[in-house]
Amino acid sequence: MDNFRGHNEFWYVSRDSEEGKQARNERTKDKWWLPPVKVPPNGLSESARRMLHFQKDSVSQVQKAAMAINAQVLSEMAIPDSYIESLPKVIFLFCLKTGI
C-alpha cells in the first residue's frame, strides 16, 4: 500500500465520520476494525487496479510461505505428555490412535 502514496485513487475515511457510518453494512460488520475505503465514482484506474492485483498476489505468496514454514515447525515440535493428558478424553484417544 505504500506504493500508493501521493495517489488519489482511493482513500480511507474515519469510521466515525458520516461517510464511514454510511459505508457500514453486513459485509463489513465482521471486520469492524478496518477503516472504510472510498474510491472515485468511476472506480480505480487500470494501473491502480493492476498494482493492487499484483500486491494481492505478492501478499498471498508470502502468506502461503509463512503457513508452510509454520506447519513444518509445528510438525517437528514435541508435544509434552502433560499437555496430551490434560486434553478431553475424546481428543486424548484421537491423539493416541494417530500417534500424535
Protein backbone atom coordinates (compact mmCIF):
# COMPACT_ATOMS: atom_id res chain seq x y z
CA MET A 1 0.00 0.00 0.00
CA ASP A 2 3.00 2.31 0.44
CA ASN A 3 3.28 2.44 -3.35
CA PHE A 4 0.02 4.38 -3.42
CA ARG A 5 1.39 7.36 -1.52
CA GLY A 6 0.62 10.53 -3.37
CA HIS A 7 -2.06 8.85 -5.45
CA ASN A 8 -5.63 9.97 -5.10
CA GLU A 9 -7.10 6.74 -6.46
CA PHE A 10 -8.66 5.73 -3.15
CA TRP A 11 -8.65 6.89 0.44
CA TYR A 12 -9.80 5.82 3.85
CA VAL A 13 -12.43 7.58 5.89
CA SER A 14 -12.91 7.53 9.63
CA ARG A 15 -15.46 5.03 10.93
CA ASP A 16 -16.98 7.84 12.98
CA SER A 17 -17.45 10.22 10.05
CA GLU A 18 -20.74 10.47 8.19
CA GLU A 19 -19.23 8.67 5.15
CA GLY A 20 -17.86 5.96 7.42
CA LYS A 21 -21.24 5.37 9.02
CA GLN A 22 -22.85 5.09 5.58
CA ALA A 23 -20.19 2.59 4.47
CA ARG A 24 -21.05 0.14 7.25
CA ASN A 25 -23.08 -2.85 6.12
CA GLU A 26 -23.41 -6.59 6.72
CA ARG A 27 -20.23 -7.33 4.77
CA THR A 28 -18.08 -5.00 6.86
CA LYS A 29 -19.73 -5.79 10.20
CA ASP A 30 -17.38 -8.69 10.99
CA LYS A 31 -14.29 -6.55 10.20
CA TRP A 32 -15.21 -3.52 12.28
CA TRP A 33 -11.55 -2.55 12.85
CA LEU A 34 -10.90 -1.84 9.15
CA PRO A 35 -11.48 1.73 8.04
CA PRO A 36 -13.94 2.15 5.15
CA VAL A 37 -12.30 2.62 1.75
CA LYS A 38 -13.63 5.22 -0.65
CA VAL A 39 -12.99 5.19 -4.40
CA PRO A 40 -13.94 7.71 -7.09
CA PRO A 41 -17.42 7.22 -8.58
CA ASN A 42 -15.91 5.89 -11.84
CA GLY A 43 -13.72 3.37 -9.98
CA LEU A 44 -9.98 2.80 -9.96
CA SER A 45 -7.76 3.42 -12.96
CA GLU A 46 -6.41 0.41 -14.82
CA SER A 47 -2.87 0.98 -13.49
CA ALA A 48 -4.13 1.18 -9.90
CA ARG A 49 -6.15 -1.99 -10.44
CA ARG A 50 -3.10 -3.83 -11.78
CA MET A 51 -0.94 -2.61 -8.90
CA LEU A 52 -3.50 -3.76 -6.31
CA HIS A 53 -3.81 -7.14 -8.02
CA PHE A 54 -0.01 -7.54 -8.09
CA GLN A 55 0.24 -6.63 -4.41
CA LYS A 56 -2.56 -9.06 -3.54
CA ASP A 57 -0.70 -11.85 -5.35
CA SER A 58 2.54 -10.96 -3.58
CA VAL A 59 0.90 -10.96 -0.16
CA SER A 60 -0.77 -14.31 -0.93
CA GLN A 61 2.61 -15.84 -1.79
CA VAL A 62 4.14 -14.56 1.45
CA GLN A 63 1.18 -15.90 3.44
CA LYS A 64 1.44 -19.34 1.80
CA ALA A 65 5.18 -19.49 2.51
CA ALA A 66 4.64 -18.46 6.15
CA MET A 67 1.91 -21.07 6.59
CA ALA A 68 4.16 -23.77 5.12
CA ILE A 69 7.01 -22.80 7.45
CA ASN A 70 4.66 -22.77 10.45
CA ALA A 71 3.25 -26.19 9.53
CA GLN A 72 6.76 -27.63 9.17
CA VAL A 73 7.92 -26.21 12.52
CA LEU A 74 4.77 -27.38 14.30
CA SER A 75 5.11 -30.88 12.85
CA GLU A 76 8.65 -31.11 14.25
CA MET A 77 7.71 -29.93 17.75
CA ALA A 78 7.32 -32.47 20.50
CA ILE A 79 4.04 -32.34 22.39
CA PRO A 80 4.54 -32.73 26.16
CA ASP A 81 2.76 -35.71 27.71
CA SER A 82 1.28 -33.45 30.37
CA TYR A 83 -0.50 -31.45 27.65
CA ILE A 84 -1.89 -34.54 25.93
CA GLU A 85 -3.09 -35.92 29.27
CA SER A 86 -4.90 -32.66 30.04
CA LEU A 87 -6.97 -32.89 26.83
CA PRO A 88 -10.58 -34.07 26.99
CA LYS A 89 -10.92 -37.84 26.69
CA VAL A 90 -12.16 -37.82 23.05
CA ILE A 91 -9.22 -35.74 21.84
CA PHE A 92 -6.83 -37.75 24.01
CA LEU A 93 -8.00 -41.02 22.40
CA PHE A 94 -7.68 -39.47 18.93
CA CYS A 95 -4.09 -38.46 19.70
CA LEU A 96 -3.29 -41.98 20.89
CA LYS A 97 -4.77 -43.55 17.74
CA THR A 98 -2.99 -41.20 15.35
CA GLY A 99 0.33 -41.27 17.18
CA ILE A 100 0.44 -37.54 17.86
